[in-house]
């Protein structure tokens, strides 16, 4: 069993930055599970479907939604069981609840709210 807890959301103005964190914890094997799996960030804006924003494989390969390429960077720290999402040049359309998910497994965090004002 793995628990994922996000943090780092908030209210910012357009053009500013935020860094989201997601820490994995749980069983004694959670660190093994974390290191062996891809990690993803998803987001859901009001009235819209949840969408994949960025992913990082166990080996460190990254992928991004077209809407965030060049502005967002995903990274992971396998010592701290943490995945990050650095979000730069934020836009009002980035406003959403951001969720952390373990790739290939149904482990989700509860989300952190990001609000970008114009």
PDB file of N, CA and C in Angstrom:
ATOM      1  N   UNK A   1       0.841  -1.181   0.000  1.00  0.00           N
ATOM      2  CA  UNK A   1       0.000   0.000   0.000  1.00  0.00           C
ATOM      3  C   UNK A   1       0.883   1.240   0.000  1.00  0.00           C
ATOM      4  N   UNK A   2       0.526   2.205  -0.843  1.00  0.00           N
ATOM      5  CA  UNK A   2       1.286   3.438  -0.962  1.00  0.00           C
ATOM      6  C   UNK A   2       0.338   4.620  -0.819  1.00  0.00           C
ATOM      7  N   UNK A   3       0.729   5.583  -0.006  1.00  0.00           N
ATOM      8  CA  UNK A   3      -0.019   6.842   0.090  1.00  0.00           C
ATOM      9  C   UNK A   3       0.786   7.941  -0.598  1.00  0.00           C
ATOM     10  N   UNK A   4       0.065   8.780  -1.319  1.00  0.00           N
ATOM     11  CA  UNK A   4       0.679   9.909  -2.020  1.00  0.00           C
ATOM     12  C   UNK A   4       0.086  11.206  -1.468  1.00  0.00           C
ATOM     13  N   UNK A   5       0.938  12.140  -1.079  1.00  0.00           N
ATOM     14  CA  UNK A   5       0.478  13.401  -0.519  1.00  0.00           C
ATOM     15  C   UNK A   5       1.128  14.549  -1.280  1.00  0.00           C
ATOM     16  N   UNK A   6       0.286  15.374  -1.896  1.00  0.00           N
ATOM     17  CA  UNK A   6       0.770  16.526  -2.651  1.00  0.00           C
ATOM     18  C   UNK A   6       0.835  17.763  -1.764  1.00  0.00           C
ATOM     19  N   UNK A   7       1.701  18.686  -2.148  1.00  0.00           N
ATOM     20  CA  UNK A   7       1.785  19.982  -1.484  1.00  0.00           C
ATOM     21  C   UNK A   7       2.369  20.991  -2.464  1.00  0.00           C
ATOM     22  N   UNK A   8       2.257  22.267  -2.105  1.00  0.00           N
ATOM     23  CA  UNK A   8       2.886  23.296  -2.914  1.00  0.00           C
ATOM     24  C   UNK A   8       1.945  24.138  -3.744  1.00  0.00           C
ATOM     25  N   UNK A   9       0.672  23.798  -3.738  1.00  0.00           N
ATOM     26  CA  UNK A   9      -0.279  24.591  -4.502  1.00  0.00           C
ATOM     27  C   UNK A   9      -0.499  25.951  -3.862  1.00  0.00           C
ATOM     28  N   UNK A  10      -1.227  26.807  -4.570  1.00  0.00           N
ATOM     29  CA  UNK A  10      -1.515  28.128  -4.028  1.00  0.00           C
ATOM     30  C   UNK A  10      -2.099  29.040  -5.074  1.00  0.00           C
ATOM     31  N   UNK A  11      -2.180  30.312  -4.697  1.00  0.00           N
ATOM     32  CA  UNK A  11      -2.712  31.351  -5.585  1.00  0.00           C
ATOM     33  C   UNK A  11      -1.551  32.220  -6.047  1.00  0.00           C
ATOM     34  N   UNK A  12      -1.368  32.313  -7.363  1.00  0.00           N
ATOM     35  CA  UNK A  12      -0.311  33.137  -7.927  1.00  0.00           C
ATOM     36  C   UNK A  12      -0.869  33.955  -9.081  1.00  0.00           C
ATOM     37  N   UNK A  13      -0.093  34.938  -9.502  1.00  0.00           N
ATOM     38  CA  UNK A  13      -0.477  35.724 -10.666  1.00  0.00           C
ATOM     39  C   UNK A  13       0.123  35.107 -11.933  1.00  0.00           C
ATOM     40  N   UNK A  14      -0.490  35.430 -13.047  1.00  0.00           N
ATOM     41  CA  UNK A  14       0.009  34.934 -14.330  1.00  0.00           C
ATOM     42  C   UNK A  14       1.478  35.334 -14.500  1.00  0.00           C
ATOM     43  N   UNK A  15       2.272  34.385 -14.992  1.00  0.00           N
ATOM     44  CA  UNK A  15       3.695  34.614 -15.187  1.00  0.00           C
ATOM     45  C   UNK A  15       4.567  34.143 -14.042  1.00  0.00           C
ATOM     46  N   UNK A  16       3.961  33.876 -12.907  1.00  0.00           N
ATOM     47  CA  UNK A  16       4.724  33.433 -11.751  1.00  0.00           C
ATOM     48  C   UNK A  16       4.929  31.916 -11.772  1.00  0.00           C
ATOM     49  N   UNK A  17       5.605  31.431 -10.733  1.00  0.00           N
ATOM     50  CA  UNK A  17       5.972  30.009 -10.682  1.00  0.00           C
ATOM     51  C   UNK A  17       5.479  29.364  -9.397  1.00  0.00           C
ATOM     52  N   UNK A  18       5.325  28.053  -9.461  1.00  0.00           N
ATOM     53  CA  UNK A  18       5.036  27.233  -8.305  1.00  0.00           C
ATOM     54  C   UNK A  18       5.772  25.913  -8.457  1.00  0.00           C
ATOM     55  N   UNK A  19       6.099  25.299  -7.328  1.00  0.00           N
ATOM     56  CA  UNK A  19       6.704  23.974  -7.345  1.00  0.00           C
ATOM     57  C   UNK A  19       5.870  23.039  -6.499  1.00  0.00           C
ATOM     58  N   UNK A  20       5.307  22.039  -7.143  1.00  0.00           N
ATOM     59  CA  UNK A  20       4.512  21.032  -6.447  1.00  0.00           C
ATOM     60  C   UNK A  20       5.396  19.862  -6.038  1.00  0.00           C
ATOM     61  N   UNK A  21       5.053  19.274  -4.902  1.00  0.00           N
ATOM     62  CA  UNK A  21       5.758  18.087  -4.425  1.00  0.00           C
ATOM     63  C   UNK A  21       4.745  16.991  -4.132  1.00  0.00           C
ATOM     64  N   UNK A  22       5.174  15.767  -4.279  1.00  0.00           N
ATOM     65  CA  UNK A  22       4.327  14.616  -3.958  1.00  0.00           C
ATOM     66  C   UNK A  22       5.222  13.583  -3.286  1.00  0.00           C
ATOM     67  N   UNK A  23       4.903  13.283  -2.034  1.00  0.00           N
ATOM     68  CA  UNK A  23       5.695  12.335  -1.262  1.00  0.00           C
ATOM     69  C   UNK A  23       4.953  11.005  -1.172  1.00  0.00           C
ATOM     70  N   UNK A  24       5.669   9.929  -1.440  1.00  0.00           N
ATOM     71  CA  UNK A  24       5.103   8.586  -1.334  1.00  0.00           C
ATOM     72  C   UNK A  24       5.525   7.966  -0.015  1.00  0.00           C
ATOM     73  N   UNK A  25       4.567   7.357   0.670  1.00  0.00           N
ATOM     74  CA  UNK A  25       4.854   6.697   1.938  1.00  0.00           C
ATOM     75  C   UNK A  25       3.900   5.521   2.090  1.00  0.00           C
ATOM     76  N   UNK A  26       4.095   4.784   3.190  1.00  0.00           N
ATOM     77  CA  UNK A  26       3.183   3.676   3.441  1.00  0.00           C
ATOM     78  C   UNK A  26       3.908   2.475   3.996  1.00  0.00           C
ATOM     79  N   UNK A  27       3.812   1.380   3.283  1.00  0.00           N
ATOM     80  CA  UNK A  27       4.409   0.150   3.778  1.00  0.00           C
ATOM     81  C   UNK A  27       5.930   0.243   3.728  1.00  0.00           C
ATOM     82  N   UNK A  28       6.528  -0.745   4.339  1.00  0.00           N
ATOM     83  CA  UNK A  28       7.988  -0.792   4.365  1.00  0.00           C
ATOM     84  C   UNK A  28       8.564  -0.914   2.969  1.00  0.00           C
ATOM     85  N   UNK A  29       7.763  -1.374   2.025  1.00  0.00           N
ATOM     86  CA  UNK A  29       8.232  -1.537   0.650  1.00  0.00           C
ATOM     87  C   UNK A  29       7.863  -0.375  -0.248  1.00  0.00           C
ATOM     88  N   UNK A  30       7.308   0.693   0.327  1.00  0.00           N
ATOM     89  CA  UNK A  30       6.859   1.807  -0.508  1.00  0.00           C
ATOM     90  C   UNK A  30       8.015   2.440  -1.270  1.00  0.00           C
ATOM     91  N   UNK A  31       9.212   2.446  -0.665  1.00  0.00           N
ATOM     92  CA  UNK A  31      10.327   3.058  -1.371  1.00  0.00           C
ATOM     93  C   UNK A  31      10.734   2.202  -2.566  1.00  0.00           C
ATOM     94  N   UNK A  32      10.599   0.893  -2.440  1.00  0.00           N
ATOM     95  CA  UNK A  32      10.898  -0.001  -3.555  1.00  0.00           C
ATOM     96  C   UNK A  32       9.879   0.197  -4.670  1.00  0.00           C
ATOM     97  N   UNK A  33       8.620   0.285  -4.268  1.00  0.00           N
ATOM     98  CA  UNK A  33       7.552   0.479  -5.246  1.00  0.00           C
ATOM     99  C   UNK A  33       7.736   1.815  -5.948  1.00  0.00           C
ATOM    100  N   UNK A  34       8.054   2.847  -5.184  1.00  0.00           N
ATOM    101  CA  UNK A  34       8.231   4.176  -5.785  1.00  0.00           C
ATOM    102  C   UNK A  34       9.335   4.153  -6.822  1.00  0.00           C
ATOM    103  N   UNK A  35      10.475   3.590  -6.479  1.00  0.00           N
ATOM    104  CA  UNK A  35      11.615   3.603  -7.397  1.00  0.00           C
ATOM    105  C   UNK A  35      11.363   2.793  -8.651  1.00  0.00           C
ATOM    106  N   UNK A  36      10.502   1.799  -8.556  1.00  0.00           N
ATOM    107  CA  UNK A  36      10.279   0.896  -9.678  1.00  0.00           C
ATOM    108  C   UNK A  36       9.200   1.366 -10.642  1.00  0.00           C
ATOM    109  N   UNK A  37       8.505   2.429 -10.293  1.00  0.00           N
ATOM    110  CA  UNK A  37       7.369   2.854 -11.096  1.00  0.00           C
ATOM    111  C   UNK A  37       7.499   4.275 -11.621  1.00  0.00           C
ATOM    112  N   UNK A  38       6.837   4.486 -12.748  1.00  0.00           N
ATOM    113  CA  UNK A  38       6.705   5.841 -13.258  1.00  0.00           C
ATOM    114  C   UNK A  38       5.802   6.640 -12.325  1.00  0.00           C
ATOM    115  N   UNK A  39       5.949   7.931 -12.362  1.00  0.00           N
ATOM    116  CA  UNK A  39       5.099   8.834 -11.588  1.00  0.00           C
ATOM    117  C   UNK A  39       4.514   9.880 -12.526  1.00  0.00           C
ATOM    118  N   UNK A  40       3.312  10.335 -12.214  1.00  0.00           N
ATOM    119  CA  UNK A  40       2.608  11.246 -13.101  1.00  0.00           C
ATOM    120  C   UNK A  40       1.966  12.389 -12.309  1.00  0.00           C
ATOM    121  N   UNK A  41       1.805  13.500 -12.984  1.00  0.00           N
ATOM    122  CA  UNK A  41       0.988  14.600 -12.485  1.00  0.00           C
ATOM    123  C   UNK A  41      -0.196  14.758 -13.445  1.00  0.00           C
ATOM    124  N   UNK A  42      -1.381  14.810 -12.869  1.00  0.00           N
ATOM    125  CA  UNK A  42      -2.611  15.055 -13.604  1.00  0.00           C
ATOM    126  C   UNK A  42      -3.242  16.324 -13.052  1.00  0.00           C
ATOM    127  N   UNK A  43      -4.161  16.880 -13.786  1.00  0.00           N
ATOM    128  CA  UNK A  43      -4.908  18.029 -13.269  1.00  0.00           C
ATOM    129  C   UNK A  43      -6.353  17.977 -13.754  1.00  0.00           C
ATOM    130  N   UNK A  44      -7.203  18.616 -12.963  1.00  0.00           N
ATOM    131  CA  UNK A  44      -8.614  18.691 -13.323  1.00  0.00           C
ATOM    132  C   UNK A  44      -9.122  20.091 -13.030  1.00  0.00           C
ATOM    133  N   UNK A  45      -9.520  20.768 -14.093  1.00  0.00           N
ATOM    134  CA  UNK A  45     -10.094  22.104 -13.962  1.00  0.00           C
ATOM    135  C   UNK A  45     -11.599  21.972 -13.785  1.00  0.00           C
ATOM    136  N   UNK A  46     -12.247  22.979 -13.215  1.00  0.00           N
ATOM    137  CA  UNK A  46     -13.703  22.920 -13.010  1.00  0.00           C
ATOM    138  C   UNK A  46     -14.434  22.658 -14.320  1.00  0.00           C
ATOM    139  N   UNK A  47     -15.317  21.680 -14.311  1.00  0.00           N
ATOM    140  CA  UNK A  47     -16.114  21.382 -15.489  1.00  0.00           C
ATOM    141  C   UNK A  47     -15.390  20.640 -16.588  1.00  0.00           C
ATOM    142  N   UNK A  48     -14.147  20.241 -16.338  1.00  0.00           N
ATOM    143  CA  UNK A  48     -13.364  19.549 -17.366  1.00  0.00           C
ATOM    144  C   UNK A  48     -12.921  18.182 -16.861  1.00  0.00           C
ATOM    145  N   UNK A  49     -12.536  17.327 -17.817  1.00  0.00           N
ATOM    146  CA  UNK A  49     -12.029  16.012 -17.455  1.00  0.00           C
ATOM    147  C   UNK A  49     -10.602  16.122 -16.925  1.00  0.00           C
ATOM    148  N   UNK A  50     -10.248  15.150 -16.102  1.00  0.00           N
ATOM    149  CA  UNK A  50      -8.883  15.096 -15.602  1.00  0.00           C
ATOM    150  C   UNK A  50      -7.945  14.774 -16.765  1.00  0.00           C
ATOM    151  N   UNK A  51      -6.812  15.451 -16.796  1.00  0.00           N
ATOM    152  CA  UNK A  51      -5.874  15.245 -17.895  1.00  0.00           C
ATOM    153  C   UNK A  51      -4.466  15.018 -17.355  1.00  0.00           C
ATOM    154  N   UNK A  52      -3.689  14.248 -18.130  1.00  0.00           N
ATOM    155  CA  UNK A  52      -2.299  13.999 -17.796  1.00  0.00           C
ATOM    156  C   UNK A  52      -1.468  15.217 -18.172  1.00  0.00           C
ATOM    157  N   UNK A  53      -0.696  15.706 -17.228  1.00  0.00           N
ATOM    158  CA  UNK A  53       0.131  16.895 -17.447  1.00  0.00           C
ATOM    159  C   UNK A  53       1.569  16.502 -17.753  1.00  0.00           C
ATOM    160  N   UNK A  54       2.113  15.603 -16.932  1.00  0.00           N
ATOM    161  CA  UNK A  54       3.517  15.215 -17.105  1.00  0.00           C
ATOM    162  C   UNK A  54       3.755  13.858 -16.468  1.00  0.00           C
ATOM    163  N   UNK A  55       4.730  13.147 -16.989  1.00  0.00           N
ATOM    164  CA  UNK A  55       5.098  11.851 -16.430  1.00  0.00           C
ATOM    165  C   UNK A  55       6.595  11.658 -16.453  1.00  0.00           C
ATOM    166  N   UNK A  56       7.074  10.833 -15.540  1.00  0.00           N
ATOM    167  CA  UNK A  56       8.500  10.514 -15.505  1.00  0.00           C
ATOM    168  C   UNK A  56       8.636   9.028 -15.214  1.00  0.00           C
ATOM    169  N   UNK A  57       9.416   8.343 -16.040  1.00  0.00           N
ATOM    170  CA  UNK A  57       9.577   6.900 -15.860  1.00  0.00           C
ATOM    171  C   UNK A  57      10.506   6.604 -14.695  1.00  0.00           C
ATOM    172  N   UNK A  58      10.593   5.329 -14.351  1.00  0.00           N
ATOM    173  CA  UNK A  58      11.512   4.922 -13.296  1.00  0.00           C
ATOM    174  C   UNK A  58      12.943   5.292 -13.670  1.00  0.00           C
ATOM    175  N   UNK A  59      13.232   5.278 -14.958  1.00  0.00           N
ATOM    176  CA  UNK A  59      14.568   5.608 -15.425  1.00  0.00           C
ATOM    177  C   UNK A  59      14.816   7.085 -15.628  1.00  0.00           C
ATOM    178  N   UNK A  60      13.787   7.900 -15.441  1.00  0.00           N
ATOM    179  CA  UNK A  60      13.968   9.345 -15.525  1.00  0.00           C
ATOM    180  C   UNK A  60      13.547   9.988 -16.828  1.00  0.00           C
ATOM    181  N   UNK A  61      12.987   9.228 -17.763  1.00  0.00           N
ATOM    182  CA  UNK A  61      12.511   9.831 -19.007  1.00  0.00           C
ATOM    183  C   UNK A  61      11.228  10.603 -18.744  1.00  0.00           C
ATOM    184  N   UNK A  62      11.141  11.778 -19.353  1.00  0.00           N
ATOM    185  CA  UNK A  62      10.022  12.677 -19.085  1.00  0.00           C
ATOM    186  C   UNK A  62       9.111  12.793 -20.320  1.00  0.00           C
ATOM    187  N   UNK A  63       7.836  13.055 -20.058  1.00  0.00           N
ATOM    188  CA  UNK A  63       6.917  13.404 -21.128  1.00  0.00           C
ATOM    189  C   UNK A  63       5.932  14.426 -20.614  1.00  0.00           C
ATOM    190  N   UNK A  64       5.433  15.255 -21.526  1.00  0.00           N
ATOM    191  CA  UNK A  64       4.583  16.388 -21.157  1.00  0.00           C
ATOM    192  C   UNK A  64       3.416  16.542 -22.123  1.00  0.00           C
ATOM    193  N   UNK A  65       2.331  17.075 -21.585  1.00  0.00           N
ATOM    194  CA  UNK A  65       1.236  17.509 -22.433  1.00  0.00           C
ATOM    195  C   UNK A  65       1.718  18.705 -23.248  1.00  0.00           C
ATOM    196  N   UNK A  66       1.200  18.832 -24.463  1.00  0.00           N
ATOM    197  CA  UNK A  66       1.628  19.932 -25.324  1.00  0.00           C
ATOM    198  C   UNK A  66       1.391  21.288 -24.670  1.00  0.00           C
ATOM    199  N   UNK A  67       0.329  21.384 -23.883  1.00  0.00           N
ATOM    200  CA  UNK A  67      -0.052  22.659 -23.279  1.00  0.00           C
ATOM    201  C   UNK A  67       0.953  23.163 -22.240  1.00  0.00           C
ATOM    202  N   UNK A  68       1.824  22.284 -21.752  1.00  0.00           N
ATOM    203  CA  UNK A  68       2.760  22.702 -20.690  1.00  0.00           C
ATOM    204  C   UNK A  68       4.225  22.550 -21.106  1.00  0.00           C
ATOM    205  N   UNK A  69       4.470  22.019 -22.297  1.00  0.00           N
ATOM    206  CA  UNK A  69       5.849  21.834 -22.748  1.00  0.00           C
ATOM    207  C   UNK A  69       6.599  23.159 -22.746  1.00  0.00           C
ATOM    208  N   UNK A  70       7.811  23.128 -22.221  1.00  0.00           N
ATOM    209  CA  UNK A  70       8.623  24.327 -22.161  1.00  0.00           C
ATOM    210  C   UNK A  70       8.360  25.201 -20.943  1.00  0.00           C
ATOM    211  N   UNK A  71       7.291  24.905 -20.210  1.00  0.00           N
ATOM    212  CA  UNK A  71       6.978  25.680 -18.999  1.00  0.00           C
ATOM    213  C   UNK A  71       7.051  24.849 -17.728  1.00  0.00           C
ATOM    214  N   UNK A  72       6.682  23.580 -17.822  1.00  0.00           N
ATOM    215  CA  UNK A  72       6.666  22.688 -16.656  1.00  0.00           C
ATOM    216  C   UNK A  72       7.811  21.683 -16.755  1.00  0.00           C
ATOM    217  N   UNK A  73       8.351  21.314 -15.600  1.00  0.00           N
ATOM    218  CA  UNK A  73       9.394  20.297 -15.539  1.00  0.00           C
ATOM    219  C   UNK A  73       9.084  19.323 -14.418  1.00  0.00           C
ATOM    220  N   UNK A  74       9.049  18.041 -14.757  1.00  0.00           N
ATOM    221  CA  UNK A  74       8.840  17.008 -13.755  1.00  0.00           C
ATOM    222  C   UNK A  74      10.189  16.407 -13.385  1.00  0.00           C
ATOM    223  N   UNK A  75      10.347  16.077 -12.112  1.00  0.00           N
ATOM    224  CA  UNK A  75      11.581  15.442 -11.653  1.00  0.00           C
ATOM    225  C   UNK A  75      11.250  14.547 -10.472  1.00  0.00           C
ATOM    226  N   UNK A  76      12.212  13.705 -10.106  1.00  0.00           N
ATOM    227  CA  UNK A  76      11.972  12.810  -8.987  1.00  0.00           C
ATOM    228  C   UNK A  76      13.241  12.655  -8.155  1.00  0.00           C
ATOM    229  N   UNK A  77      13.038  12.424  -6.863  1.00  0.00           N
ATOM    230  CA  UNK A  77      14.122  12.164  -5.929  1.00  0.00           C
ATOM    231  C   UNK A  77      13.830  10.812  -5.294  1.00  0.00           C
ATOM    232  N   UNK A  78      14.525   9.788  -5.743  1.00  0.00           N
ATOM    233  CA  UNK A  78      14.246   8.434  -5.267  1.00  0.00           C
ATOM    234  C   UNK A  78      14.753   8.186  -3.846  1.00  0.00           C
ATOM    235  N   UNK A  79      15.578   9.053  -3.339  1.00  0.00           N
ATOM    236  CA  UNK A  79      16.012   8.930  -1.942  1.00  0.00           C
ATOM    237  C   UNK A  79      14.910   9.428  -1.016  1.00  0.00           C
ATOM    238  N   UNK A  80      14.249  10.492  -1.435  1.00  0.00           N
ATOM    239  CA  UNK A  80      13.193  11.078  -0.617  1.00  0.00           C
ATOM    240  C   UNK A  80      11.788  10.604  -1.025  1.00  0.00           C
ATOM    241  N   UNK A  81      11.714   9.676  -1.954  1.00  0.00           N
ATOM    242  CA  UNK A  81      10.407   9.176  -2.419  1.00  0.00           C
ATOM    243  C   UNK A  81       9.491  10.313  -2.841  1.00  0.00           C
ATOM    244  N   UNK A  82      10.043  11.259  -3.566  1.00  0.00           N
ATOM    245  CA  UNK A  82       9.297  12.464  -3.906  1.00  0.00           C
ATOM    246  C   UNK A  82       9.379  12.744  -5.403  1.00  0.00           C
ATOM    247  N   UNK A  83       8.257  13.180  -5.947  1.00  0.00           N
ATOM    248  CA  UNK A  83       8.224  13.655  -7.324  1.00  0.00           C
ATOM    249  C   UNK A  83       7.801  15.117  -7.300  1.00  0.00           C
ATOM    250  N   UNK A  84       8.406  15.902  -8.179  1.00  0.00           N
ATOM    251  CA  UNK A  84       8.172  17.341  -8.207  1.00  0.00           C
ATOM    252  C   UNK A  84       7.581  17.762  -9.555  1.00  0.00           C
ATOM    253  N   UNK A  85       6.893  18.890  -9.520  1.00  0.00           N
ATOM    254  CA  UNK A  85       6.464  19.526 -10.760  1.00  0.00           C
ATOM    255  C   UNK A  85       6.775  21.010 -10.628  1.00  0.00           C
ATOM    256  N   UNK A  86       7.802  21.447 -11.340  1.00  0.00           N
ATOM    257  CA  UNK A  86       8.143  22.865 -11.389  1.00  0.00           C
ATOM    258  C   UNK A  86       7.319  23.516 -12.489  1.00  0.00           C
ATOM    259  N   UNK A  87       6.534  24.510 -12.120  1.00  0.00           N
ATOM    260  CA  UNK A  87       5.631  25.157 -13.058  1.00  0.00           C
ATOM    261  C   UNK A  87       6.031  26.623 -13.193  1.00  0.00           C
ATOM    262  N   UNK A  88       6.495  26.993 -14.365  1.00  0.00           N
ATOM    263  CA  UNK A  88       6.906  28.368 -14.645  1.00  0.00           C
ATOM    264  C   UNK A  88       5.953  29.010 -15.638  1.00  0.00           C
ATOM    265  N   UNK A  89       6.020  30.317 -15.708  1.00  0.00           N
ATOM    266  CA  UNK A  89       5.186  31.079 -16.662  1.00  0.00           C
ATOM    267  C   UNK A  89       3.731  30.623 -16.605  1.00  0.00           C
ATOM    268  N   UNK A  90       3.206  30.567 -15.411  1.00  0.00           N
ATOM    269  CA  UNK A  90       1.849  30.066 -15.230  1.00  0.00           C
ATOM    270  C   UNK A  90       0.824  30.954 -15.912  1.00  0.00           C
ATOM    271  N   UNK A  91      -0.222  30.309 -16.397  1.00  0.00           N
ATOM    272  CA  UNK A  91      -1.304  30.996 -17.099  1.00  0.00           C
ATOM    273  C   UNK A  91      -2.617  30.731 -16.369  1.00  0.00           C
ATOM    274  N   UNK A  92      -3.598  31.604 -16.525  1.00  0.00           N
ATOM    275  CA  UNK A  92      -4.905  31.347 -15.889  1.00  0.00           C
ATOM    276  C   UNK A  92      -5.481  29.976 -16.263  1.00  0.00           C
ATOM    277  N   UNK A  93      -5.221  29.515 -17.465  1.00  0.00           N
ATOM    278  CA  UNK A  93      -5.759  28.206 -17.881  1.00  0.00           C
ATOM    279  C   UNK A  93      -5.060  27.034 -17.201  1.00  0.00           C
ATOM    280  N   UNK A  94      -4.021  27.291 -16.442  1.00  0.00           N
ATOM    281  CA  UNK A  94      -3.390  26.244 -15.639  1.00  0.00           C
ATOM    282  C   UNK A  94      -4.126  26.028 -14.315  1.00  0.00           C
ATOM    283  N   UNK A  95      -5.093  26.863 -14.029  1.00  0.00           N
ATOM    284  CA  UNK A  95      -5.866  26.722 -12.799  1.00  0.00           C
ATOM    285  C   UNK A  95      -6.572  25.379 -12.760  1.00  0.00           C
ATOM    286  N   UNK A  96      -6.331  24.622 -11.706  1.00  0.00           N
ATOM    287  CA  UNK A  96      -6.882  23.269 -11.582  1.00  0.00           C
ATOM    288  C   UNK A  96      -6.461  22.678 -10.239  1.00  0.00           C
ATOM    289  N   UNK A  97      -7.045  21.544  -9.932  1.00  0.00           N
ATOM    290  CA  UNK A  97      -6.527  20.714  -8.848  1.00  0.00           C
ATOM    291  C   UNK A  97      -5.518  19.758  -9.474  1.00  0.00           C
ATOM    292  N   UNK A  98      -4.327  19.725  -8.905  1.00  0.00           N
ATOM    293  CA  UNK A  98      -3.249  18.893  -9.431  1.00  0.00           C
ATOM    294  C   UNK A  98      -3.106  17.647  -8.560  1.00  0.00           C
ATOM    295  N   UNK A  99      -3.077  16.492  -9.235  1.00  0.00           N
ATOM    296  CA  UNK A  99      -3.015  15.210  -8.562  1.00  0.00           C
ATOM    297  C   UNK A  99      -1.737  14.474  -8.949  1.00  0.00           C
ATOM    298  N   UNK A 100      -1.193  13.798  -7.989  1.00  0.00           N
ATOM    299  CA  UNK A 100      -0.056  12.916  -8.191  1.00  0.00           C
ATOM    300  C   UNK A 100      -0.581  11.484  -8.342  1.00  0.00           C
ATOM    301  N   UNK A 101      -0.003  10.726  -9.254  1.00  0.00           N
ATOM    302  CA  UNK A 101      -0.434   9.344  -9.456  1.00  0.00           C
ATOM    303  C   UNK A 101       0.788   8.465  -9.740  1.00  0.00           C
ATOM    304  N   UNK A 102       0.736   7.256  -9.258  1.00  0.00           N
ATOM    305  CA  UNK A 102       1.781   6.299  -9.590  1.00  0.00           C
ATOM    306  C   UNK A 102       1.417   5.626 -10.916  1.00  0.00           C
ATOM    307  N   UNK A 103       2.312   5.670 -11.868  1.00  0.00           N
ATOM    308  CA  UNK A 103       2.036   5.119 -13.171  1.00  0.00           C
ATOM    309  C   UNK A 103       1.768   3.625 -13.134  1.00  0.00           C
ATOM    310  N   UNK A 104       0.705   3.196 -13.808  1.00  0.00           N
ATOM    311  CA  UNK A 104       0.398   1.777 -13.890  1.00  0.00           C
ATOM    312  C   UNK A 104      -0.268   1.199 -12.661  1.00  0.00           C
ATOM    313  N   UNK A 105      -0.446   1.992 -11.662  1.00  0.00           N
ATOM    314  CA  UNK A 105      -1.114   1.559 -10.418  1.00  0.00           C
ATOM    315  C   UNK A 105      -2.163   2.591 -10.037  1.00  0.00           C
ATOM    316  N   UNK A 106      -3.165   2.126  -9.319  1.00  0.00           N
ATOM    317  CA  UNK A 106      -4.267   3.023  -8.957  1.00  0.00           C
ATOM    318  C   UNK A 106      -3.998   3.709  -7.626  1.00  0.00           C
ATOM    319  N   UNK A 107      -2.856   4.356  -7.509  1.00  0.00           N
ATOM    320  CA  UNK A 107      -2.516   5.140  -6.334  1.00  0.00           C
ATOM    321  C   UNK A 107      -2.555   6.612  -6.725  1.00  0.00           C
ATOM    322  N   UNK A 108      -3.454   7.345  -6.072  1.00  0.00           N
ATOM    323  CA  UNK A 108      -3.633   8.772  -6.333  1.00  0.00           C
ATOM    324  C   UNK A 108      -3.495   9.550  -5.032  1.00  0.00           C
ATOM    325  N   UNK A 109      -2.986  10.762  -5.152  1.00  0.00           N
ATOM    326  CA  UNK A 109      -3.048  11.679  -4.033  1.00  0.00           C
ATOM    327  C   UNK A 109      -4.403  12.371  -4.006  1.00  0.00           C
ATOM    328  N   UNK A 110      -4.609  13.200  -2.979  1.00  0.00           N
ATOM    329  CA  UNK A 110      -5.894  13.903  -2.846  1.00  0.00           C
ATOM    330  C   UNK A 110      -5.925  15.216  -3.601  1.00  0.00           C
ATOM    331  N   UNK A 111      -4.777  15.652  -4.070  1.00  0.00           N
ATOM    332  CA  UNK A 111      -4.739  16.846  -4.896  1.00  0.00           C
ATOM    333  C   UNK A 111      -4.342  18.099  -4.149  1.00  0.00           C
ATOM    334  N   UNK A 112      -3.836  19.049  -4.906  1.00  0.00           N
ATOM    335  CA  UNK A 112      -3.503  20.365  -4.374  1.00  0.00           C
ATOM    336  C   UNK A 112      -3.992  21.411  -5.365  1.00  0.00           C
ATOM    337  N   UNK A 113      -4.623  22.466  -4.848  1.00  0.00           N
ATOM    338  CA  UNK A 113      -5.242  23.470  -5.709  1.00  0.00           C
ATOM    339  C   UNK A 113      -4.198  24.475  -6.203  1.00  0.00           C
ATOM    340  N   UNK A 114      -4.215  24.715  -7.496  1.00  0.00           N
ATOM    341  CA  UNK A 114      -3.405  25.762  -8.105  1.00  0.00           C
ATOM    342  C   UNK A 114      -4.350  26.750  -8.771  1.00  0.00           C
ATOM    343  N   UNK A 115      -4.239  28.008  -8.386  1.00  0.00           N
ATOM    344  CA  UNK A 115      -5.075  29.052  -8.958  1.00  0.00           C
ATOM    345  C   UNK A 115      -4.176  30.149  -9.502  1.00  0.00           C
ATOM    346  N   UNK A 116      -4.375  30.471 -10.780  1.00  0.00           N
ATOM    347  CA  UNK A 116      -3.565  31.494 -11.428  1.00  0.00           C
ATOM    348  C   UNK A 116      -4.482  32.640 -11.838  1.00  0.00           C
ATOM    349  N   UNK A 117      -4.235  33.802 -11.286  1.00  0.00           N
ATOM    350  CA  UNK A 117      -5.060  34.963 -11.600  1.00  0.00           C
ATOM    351  C   UNK A 117      -4.436  35.744 -12.749  1.00  0.00           C
ATOM    352  N   UNK A 118      -5.295  36.404 -13.518  1.00  0.00           N
ATOM    353  CA  UNK A 118      -4.798  37.180 -14.678  1.00  0.00           C
ATOM    354  C   UNK A 118      -4.488  38.605 -14.301  1.00  0.00           C
TER     355      UNK A 118
END
